[in-house]
Amino acid sequence: MPNVLIRDLDPGVYSVLTARAQERGQSLQQYLSAELARIAARPTLSEFLSEREQEPEVTALTPERIVAAVNEGRAGR
């Protein structure tokens, strides 16, 4: 697995991160690995928009189409 080295980390940031890891009963490495995985799982805005562009277009529902679908469903009973 790849390794990551972070230099010049503010001591206050380090202190907060170690405290959060300790609260979860994790090592700092485990905590940071989970947090980085969580960050990576969330798409960026451009990734999100790109994914939406690739989805098929959905036709807009109008009140008339909704009423017609309800009436059609009722007629089938």
PDB file of N, CA and C in Angstrom:
ATOM      1  N   MET A   1       0.839  -1.190   0.000  1.00  0.00           N
ATOM      2  CA  MET A   1       0.000   0.000   0.000  1.00  0.00           C
ATOM      3  C   MET A   1       0.881   1.250   0.000  1.00  0.00           C
ATOM      4  N   PRO A   2       0.421   2.304  -0.647  1.00  0.00           N
ATOM      5  CA  PRO A   2       1.195   3.543  -0.660  1.00  0.00           C
ATOM      6  C   PRO A   2       1.222   4.192   0.727  1.00  0.00           C
ATOM      7  N   ASN A   3       2.252   4.967   0.932  1.00  0.00           N
ATOM      8  CA  ASN A   3       2.390   5.730   2.173  1.00  0.00           C
ATOM      9  C   ASN A   3       2.260   7.212   1.874  1.00  0.00           C
ATOM     10  N   VAL A   4       1.801   7.971   2.860  1.00  0.00           N
ATOM     11  CA  VAL A   4       1.683   9.417   2.733  1.00  0.00           C
ATOM     12  C   VAL A   4       2.456  10.048   3.885  1.00  0.00           C
ATOM     13  N   LEU A   5       3.252  11.047   3.568  1.00  0.00           N
ATOM     14  CA  LEU A   5       4.009  11.768   4.576  1.00  0.00           C
ATOM     15  C   LEU A   5       3.555  13.223   4.553  1.00  0.00           C
ATOM     16  N   ILE A   6       3.167  13.736   5.692  1.00  0.00           N
ATOM     17  CA  ILE A   6       2.740  15.130   5.778  1.00  0.00           C
ATOM     18  C   ILE A   6       3.764  15.876   6.614  1.00  0.00           C
ATOM     19  N   ARG A   7       4.375  16.852   6.025  1.00  0.00           N
ATOM     20  CA  ARG A   7       5.383  17.656   6.731  1.00  0.00           C
ATOM     21  C   ARG A   7       4.770  18.956   7.227  1.00  0.00           C
ATOM     22  N   ASP A   8       5.384  19.519   8.239  1.00  0.00           N
ATOM     23  CA  ASP A   8       5.018  20.842   8.769  1.00  0.00           C
ATOM     24  C   ASP A   8       3.560  20.926   9.187  1.00  0.00           C
ATOM     25  N   LEU A   9       3.056  19.867   9.802  1.00  0.00           N
ATOM     26  CA  LEU A   9       1.698  19.872  10.305  1.00  0.00           C
ATOM     27  C   LEU A   9       1.644  20.710  11.574  1.00  0.00           C
ATOM     28  N   ASP A  10       0.682  21.597  11.632  1.00  0.00           N
ATOM     29  CA  ASP A  10       0.523  22.460  12.807  1.00  0.00           C
ATOM     30  C   ASP A  10       0.333  21.583  14.047  1.00  0.00           C
ATOM     31  N   PRO A  11       1.035  21.872  15.132  1.00  0.00           N
ATOM     32  CA  PRO A  11       0.901  21.064  16.348  1.00  0.00           C
ATOM     33  C   PRO A  11      -0.530  21.022  16.888  1.00  0.00           C
ATOM     34  N   GLY A  12      -1.274  22.099  16.723  1.00  0.00           N
ATOM     35  CA  GLY A  12      -2.661  22.119  17.170  1.00  0.00           C
ATOM     36  C   GLY A  12      -3.518  21.153  16.380  1.00  0.00           C
ATOM     37  N   VAL A  13      -3.286  21.086  15.075  1.00  0.00           N
ATOM     38  CA  VAL A  13      -4.019  20.159  14.211  1.00  0.00           C
ATOM     39  C   VAL A  13      -3.677  18.724  14.607  1.00  0.00           C
ATOM     40  N   TYR A  14      -2.402  18.475  14.822  1.00  0.00           N
ATOM     41  CA  TYR A  14      -1.964  17.136  15.235  1.00  0.00           C
ATOM     42  C   TYR A  14      -2.630  16.732  16.548  1.00  0.00           C
ATOM     43  N   SER A  15      -2.702  17.658  17.468  1.00  0.00           N
ATOM     44  CA  SER A  15      -3.301  17.387  18.769  1.00  0.00           C
ATOM     45  C   SER A  15      -4.784  17.034  18.635  1.00  0.00           C
ATOM     46  N   VAL A  16      -5.501  17.784  17.823  1.00  0.00           N
ATOM     47  CA  VAL A  16      -6.930  17.516  17.606  1.00  0.00           C
ATOM     48  C   VAL A  16      -7.121  16.152  16.952  1.00  0.00           C
ATOM     49  N   LEU A  17      -6.324  15.845  15.946  1.00  0.00           N
ATOM     50  CA  LEU A  17      -6.465  14.573  15.235  1.00  0.00           C
ATOM     51  C   LEU A  17      -6.151  13.382  16.130  1.00  0.00           C
ATOM     52  N   THR A  18      -5.109  13.497  16.941  1.00  0.00           N
ATOM     53  CA  THR A  18      -4.783  12.390  17.846  1.00  0.00           C
ATOM     54  C   THR A  18      -5.874  12.213  18.897  1.00  0.00           C
ATOM     55  N   ALA A  19      -6.452  13.309  19.374  1.00  0.00           N
ATOM     56  CA  ALA A  19      -7.548  13.213  20.347  1.00  0.00           C
ATOM     57  C   ALA A  19      -8.766  12.540  19.722  1.00  0.00           C
ATOM     58  N   ARG A  20      -9.079  12.878  18.489  1.00  0.00           N
ATOM     59  CA  ARG A  20     -10.224  12.263  17.807  1.00  0.00           C
ATOM     60  C   ARG A  20      -9.987  10.774  17.567  1.00  0.00           C
ATOM     61  N   ALA A  21      -8.769  10.428  17.195  1.00  0.00           N
ATOM     62  CA  ALA A  21      -8.439   9.012  17.005  1.00  0.00           C
ATOM     63  C   ALA A  21      -8.581   8.265  18.323  1.00  0.00           C
ATOM     64  N   GLN A  22      -8.109   8.859  19.385  1.00  0.00           N
ATOM     65  CA  GLN A  22      -8.182   8.240  20.709  1.00  0.00           C
ATOM     66  C   GLN A  22      -9.638   8.040  21.143  1.00  0.00           C
ATOM     67  N   GLU A  23     -10.488   9.025  20.855  1.00  0.00           N
ATOM     68  CA  GLU A  23     -11.909   8.916  21.191  1.00  0.00           C
ATOM     69  C   GLU A  23     -12.559   7.714  20.505  1.00  0.00           C
ATOM     70  N   ARG A  24     -12.087   7.396  19.323  1.00  0.00           N
ATOM     71  CA  ARG A  24     -12.638   6.265  18.568  1.00  0.00           C
ATOM     72  C   ARG A  24     -11.930   4.951  18.898  1.00  0.00           C
ATOM     73  N   GLY A  25     -10.914   5.027  19.730  1.00  0.00           N
ATOM     74  CA  GLY A  25     -10.163   3.819  20.052  1.00  0.00           C
ATOM     75  C   GLY A  25      -9.306   3.349  18.892  1.00  0.00           C
ATOM     76  N   GLN A  26      -8.837   4.297  18.088  1.00  0.00           N
ATOM     77  CA  GLN A  26      -8.033   3.975  16.916  1.00  0.00           C
ATOM     78  C   GLN A  26      -6.655   4.614  17.037  1.00  0.00           C
ATOM     79  N   SER A  27      -5.733   4.057  16.271  1.00  0.00           N
ATOM     80  CA  SER A  27      -4.444   4.727  16.136  1.00  0.00           C
ATOM     81  C   SER A  27      -4.649   5.931  15.215  1.00  0.00           C
ATOM     82  N   LEU A  28      -3.709   6.837  15.229  1.00  0.00           N
ATOM     83  CA  LEU A  28      -3.808   7.999  14.338  1.00  0.00           C
ATOM     84  C   LEU A  28      -3.822   7.538  12.884  1.00  0.00           C
ATOM     85  N   GLN A  29      -3.021   6.525  12.571  1.00  0.00           N
ATOM     86  CA  GLN A  29      -2.982   6.003  11.203  1.00  0.00           C
ATOM     87  C   GLN A  29      -4.343   5.437  10.794  1.00  0.00           C
ATOM     88  N   GLN A  30      -4.985   4.672  11.661  1.00  0.00           N
ATOM     89  CA  GLN A  30      -6.304   4.117  11.350  1.00  0.00           C
ATOM     90  C   GLN A  30      -7.334   5.227  11.156  1.00  0.00           C
ATOM     91  N   TYR A  31      -7.302   6.202  12.057  1.00  0.00           N
ATOM     92  CA  TYR A  31      -8.253   7.308  11.984  1.00  0.00           C
ATOM     93  C   TYR A  31      -8.082   8.089  10.688  1.00  0.00           C
ATOM     94  N   LEU A  32      -6.845   8.459  10.372  1.00  0.00           N
ATOM     95  CA  LEU A  32      -6.594   9.249   9.162  1.00  0.00           C
ATOM     96  C   LEU A  32      -6.908   8.454   7.897  1.00  0.00           C
ATOM     97  N   SER A  33      -6.624   7.161   7.911  1.00  0.00           N
ATOM     98  CA  SER A  33      -6.940   6.328   6.748  1.00  0.00           C
ATOM     99  C   SER A  33      -8.445   6.303   6.501  1.00  0.00           C
ATOM    100  N   ALA A  34      -9.231   6.156   7.562  1.00  0.00           N
ATOM    101  CA  ALA A  34     -10.688   6.147   7.421  1.00  0.00           C
ATOM    102  C   ALA A  34     -11.201   7.504   6.957  1.00  0.00           C
ATOM    103  N   GLU A  35     -10.658   8.584   7.501  1.00  0.00           N
ATOM    104  CA  GLU A  35     -11.094   9.923   7.100  1.00  0.00           C
ATOM    105  C   GLU A  35     -10.735  10.219   5.646  1.00  0.00           C
ATOM    106  N   LEU A  36      -9.553   9.800   5.210  1.00  0.00           N
ATOM    107  CA  LEU A  36      -9.157  10.016   3.819  1.00  0.00           C
ATOM    108  C   LEU A  36     -10.031   9.190   2.873  1.00  0.00           C
ATOM    109  N   ALA A  37     -10.391   7.974   3.277  1.00  0.00           N
ATOM    110  CA  ALA A  37     -11.281   7.146   2.454  1.00  0.00           C
ATOM    111  C   ALA A  37     -12.654   7.809   2.347  1.00  0.00           C
ATOM    112  N   ARG A  38     -13.133   8.392   3.447  1.00  0.00           N
ATOM    113  CA  ARG A  38     -14.428   9.076   3.439  1.00  0.00           C
ATOM    114  C   ARG A  38     -14.387  10.279   2.494  1.00  0.00           C
ATOM    115  N   ILE A  39     -13.310  11.041   2.544  1.00  0.00           N
ATOM    116  CA  ILE A  39     -13.157  12.203   1.668  1.00  0.00           C
ATOM    117  C   ILE A  39     -13.115  11.761   0.201  1.00  0.00           C
ATOM    118  N   ALA A  40     -12.351  10.716  -0.078  1.00  0.00           N
ATOM    119  CA  ALA A  40     -12.201  10.245  -1.462  1.00  0.00           C
ATOM    120  C   ALA A  40     -13.505   9.681  -2.019  1.00  0.00           C
ATOM    121  N   ALA A  41     -14.370   9.166  -1.158  1.00  0.00           N
ATOM    122  CA  ALA A  41     -15.636   8.582  -1.616  1.00  0.00           C
ATOM    123  C   ALA A  41     -16.637   9.642  -2.059  1.00  0.00           C
ATOM    124  N   ARG A  42     -16.468  10.867  -1.549  1.00  0.00           N
ATOM    125  CA  ARG A  42     -17.386  11.951  -1.941  1.00  0.00           C
ATOM    126  C   ARG A  42     -16.907  12.567  -3.250  1.00  0.00           C
ATOM    127  N   PRO A  43     -17.764  12.598  -4.277  1.00  0.00           N
ATOM    128  CA  PRO A  43     -17.321  13.185  -5.547  1.00  0.00           C
ATOM    129  C   PRO A  43     -17.178  14.700  -5.435  1.00  0.00           C
ATOM    130  N   THR A  44     -16.272  15.230  -6.233  1.00  0.00           N
ATOM    131  CA  THR A  44     -16.156  16.681  -6.325  1.00  0.00           C
ATOM    132  C   THR A  44     -17.362  17.203  -7.096  1.00  0.00           C
ATOM    133  N   LEU A  45     -17.556  18.500  -7.103  1.00  0.00           N
ATOM    134  CA  LEU A  45     -18.681  19.081  -7.832  1.00  0.00           C
ATOM    135  C   LEU A  45     -18.582  18.750  -9.313  1.00  0.00           C
ATOM    136  N   SER A  46     -17.393  18.866  -9.880  1.00  0.00           N
ATOM    137  CA  SER A  46     -17.247  18.581 -11.309  1.00  0.00           C
ATOM    138  C   SER A  46     -17.497  17.098 -11.605  1.00  0.00           C
ATOM    139  N   GLU A  47     -17.062  16.197 -10.722  1.00  0.00           N
ATOM    140  CA  GLU A  47     -17.342  14.767 -10.912  1.00  0.00           C
ATOM    141  C   GLU A  47     -18.847  14.501 -10.827  1.00  0.00           C
ATOM    142  N   PHE A  48     -19.504  15.119  -9.861  1.00  0.00           N
ATOM    143  CA  PHE A  48     -20.945  14.954  -9.684  1.00  0.00           C
ATOM    144  C   PHE A  48     -21.691  15.425 -10.928  1.00  0.00           C
ATOM    145  N   LEU A  49     -21.340  16.615 -11.415  1.00  0.00           N
ATOM    146  CA  LEU A  49     -22.017  17.157 -12.594  1.00  0.00           C
ATOM    147  C   LEU A  49     -21.756  16.311 -13.829  1.00  0.00           C
ATOM    148  N   SER A  50     -20.545  15.805 -13.960  1.00  0.00           N
ATOM    149  CA  SER A  50     -20.200  14.949 -15.097  1.00  0.00           C
ATOM    150  C   SER A  50     -21.025  13.667 -15.071  1.00  0.00           C
ATOM    151  N   GLU A  51     -21.205  13.082 -13.889  1.00  0.00           N
ATOM    152  CA  GLU A  51     -22.027  11.878 -13.752  1.00  0.00           C
ATOM    153  C   GLU A  51     -23.481  12.167 -14.118  1.00  0.00           C
ATOM    154  N   ARG A  52     -23.976  13.323 -13.723  1.00  0.00           N
ATOM    155  CA  ARG A  52     -25.367  13.681 -14.026  1.00  0.00           C
ATOM    156  C   ARG A  52     -25.566  13.859 -15.528  1.00  0.00           C
ATOM    157  N   GLU A  53     -24.566  14.397 -16.211  1.00  0.00           N
ATOM    158  CA  GLU A  53     -24.679  14.605 -17.658  1.00  0.00           C
ATOM    159  C   GLU A  53     -24.788  13.281 -18.403  1.00  0.00           C
ATOM    160  N   GLN A  54     -24.224  12.216 -17.848  1.00  0.00           N
ATOM    161  CA  GLN A  54     -24.216  10.926 -18.517  1.00  0.00           C
ATOM    162  C   GLN A  54     -25.505  10.144 -18.278  1.00  0.00           C
ATOM    163  N   GLU A  55     -26.333  10.584 -17.336  1.00  0.00           N
ATOM    164  CA  GLU A  55     -27.592   9.905 -17.054  1.00  0.00           C
ATOM    165  C   GLU A  55     -28.632  10.286 -18.101  1.00  0.00           C
ATOM    166  N   PRO A  56     -29.543   9.361 -18.415  1.00  0.00           N
ATOM    167  CA  PRO A  56     -30.584   9.704 -19.388  1.00  0.00           C
ATOM    168  C   PRO A  56     -31.486  10.805 -18.841  1.00  0.00           C
ATOM    169  N   GLU A  57     -31.957  11.633 -19.749  1.00  0.00           N
ATOM    170  CA  GLU A  57     -32.811  12.752 -19.335  1.00  0.00           C
ATOM    171  C   GLU A  57     -34.178  12.232 -18.905  1.00  0.00           C
ATOM    172  N   VAL A  58     -34.664  12.764 -17.826  1.00  0.00           N
ATOM    173  CA  VAL A  58     -35.975  12.366 -17.306  1.00  0.00           C
ATOM    174  C   VAL A  58     -36.990  13.405 -17.757  1.00  0.00           C
ATOM    175  N   THR A  59     -38.090  12.917 -18.293  1.00  0.00           N
ATOM    176  CA  THR A  59     -39.123  13.859 -18.725  1.00  0.00           C
ATOM    177  C   THR A  59     -39.798  14.469 -17.509  1.00  0.00           C
ATOM    178  N   ALA A  60     -40.094  15.724 -17.616  1.00  0.00           N
ATOM    179  CA  ALA A  60     -40.702  16.446 -16.504  1.00  0.00           C
ATOM    180  C   ALA A  60     -42.133  15.994 -16.292  1.00  0.00           C
ATOM    181  N   LEU A  61     -42.488  15.852 -15.047  1.00  0.00           N
ATOM    182  CA  LEU A  61     -43.870  15.526 -14.712  1.00  0.00           C
ATOM    183  C   LEU A  61     -44.679  16.808 -14.642  1.00  0.00           C
ATOM    184  N   THR A  62     -45.825  16.756 -15.250  1.00  0.00           N
ATOM    185  CA  THR A  62     -46.746  17.890 -15.174  1.00  0.00           C
ATOM    186  C   THR A  62     -47.957  17.426 -14.370  1.00  0.00           C
ATOM    187  N   PRO A  63     -48.700  18.353 -13.818  1.00  0.00           N
ATOM    188  CA  PRO A  63     -49.919  17.950 -13.091  1.00  0.00           C
ATOM    189  C   PRO A  63     -50.854  17.118 -13.960  1.00  0.00           C
ATOM    190  N   GLU A  64     -50.933  17.454 -15.235  1.00  0.00           N
ATOM    191  CA  GLU A  64     -51.816  16.719 -16.135  1.00  0.00           C
ATOM    192  C   GLU A  64     -51.368  15.265 -16.293  1.00  0.00           C
ATOM    193  N   ARG A  65     -50.057  15.060 -16.413  1.00  0.00           N
ATOM    194  CA  ARG A  65     -49.542  13.696 -16.567  1.00  0.00           C
ATOM    195  C   ARG A  65     -49.737  12.899 -15.286  1.00  0.00           C
ATOM    196  N   ILE A  66     -49.618  13.543 -14.146  1.00  0.00           N
ATOM    197  CA  ILE A  66     -49.831  12.857 -12.871  1.00  0.00           C
ATOM    198  C   ILE A  66     -51.287  12.424 -12.740  1.00  0.00           C
ATOM    199  N   VAL A  67     -52.215  13.334 -13.046  1.00  0.00           N
ATOM    200  CA  VAL A  67     -53.645  13.018 -12.968  1.00  0.00           C
ATOM    201  C   VAL A  67     -53.983  11.891 -13.936  1.00  0.00           C
ATOM    202  N   ALA A  68     -53.424  11.956 -15.130  1.00  0.00           N
ATOM    203  CA  ALA A  68     -53.686  10.908 -16.119  1.00  0.00           C
ATOM    204  C   ALA A  68     -53.167   9.564 -15.628  1.00  0.00           C
ATOM    205  N   ALA A  69     -51.996   9.526 -15.012  1.00  0.00           N
ATOM    206  CA  ALA A  69     -51.441   8.272 -14.497  1.00  0.00           C
ATOM    207  C   ALA A  69     -52.287   7.730 -13.359  1.00  0.00           C
ATOM    208  N   VAL A  70     -52.759   8.608 -12.482  1.00  0.00           N
ATOM    209  CA  VAL A  70     -53.627   8.175 -11.374  1.00  0.00           C
ATOM    210  C   VAL A  70     -54.921   7.602 -11.933  1.00  0.00           C
ATOM    211  N   ASN A  71     -55.532   8.293 -12.889  1.00  0.00           N
ATOM    212  CA  ASN A  71     -56.779   7.825 -13.492  1.00  0.00           C
ATOM    213  C   ASN A  71     -56.586   6.487 -14.210  1.00  0.00           C
ATOM    214  N   GLU A  72     -55.434   6.345 -14.873  1.00  0.00           N
ATOM    215  CA  GLU A  72     -55.132   5.098 -15.565  1.00  0.00           C
ATOM    216  C   GLU A  72     -55.003   3.959 -14.556  1.00  0.00           C
ATOM    217  N   GLY A  73     -54.354   4.235 -13.437  1.00  0.00           N
ATOM    218  CA  GLY A  73     -54.199   3.220 -12.385  1.00  0.00           C
ATOM    219  C   GLY A  73     -55.538   2.837 -11.780  1.00  0.00           C
ATOM    220  N   ARG A  74     -56.388   3.804 -11.590  1.00  0.00           N
ATOM    221  CA  ARG A  74     -57.720   3.528 -11.030  1.00  0.00           C
ATOM    222  C   ARG A  74     -58.577   2.724 -11.992  1.00  0.00           C
ATOM    223  N   ALA A  75     -58.433   2.998 -13.276  1.00  0.00           N
ATOM    224  CA  ALA A  75     -59.223   2.288 -14.286  1.00  0.00           C
ATOM    225  C   ALA A  75     -58.820   0.821 -14.344  1.00  0.00           C
ATOM    226  N   GLY A  76     -57.597   0.513 -13.992  1.00  0.00           N
ATOM    227  CA  GLY A  76     -57.111  -0.857 -14.047  1.00  0.00           C
ATOM    228  C   GLY A  76     -57.534  -1.705 -12.856  1.00  0.00           C
ATOM    229  N   ARG A  77     -58.222  -1.137 -11.900  1.00  0.00           N
ATOM    230  CA  ARG A  77     -58.620  -1.908 -10.711  1.00  0.00           C
ATOM    231  C   ARG A  77     -59.736  -2.865 -11.002  1.00  0.00           C
TER     232      ARG A  77
END
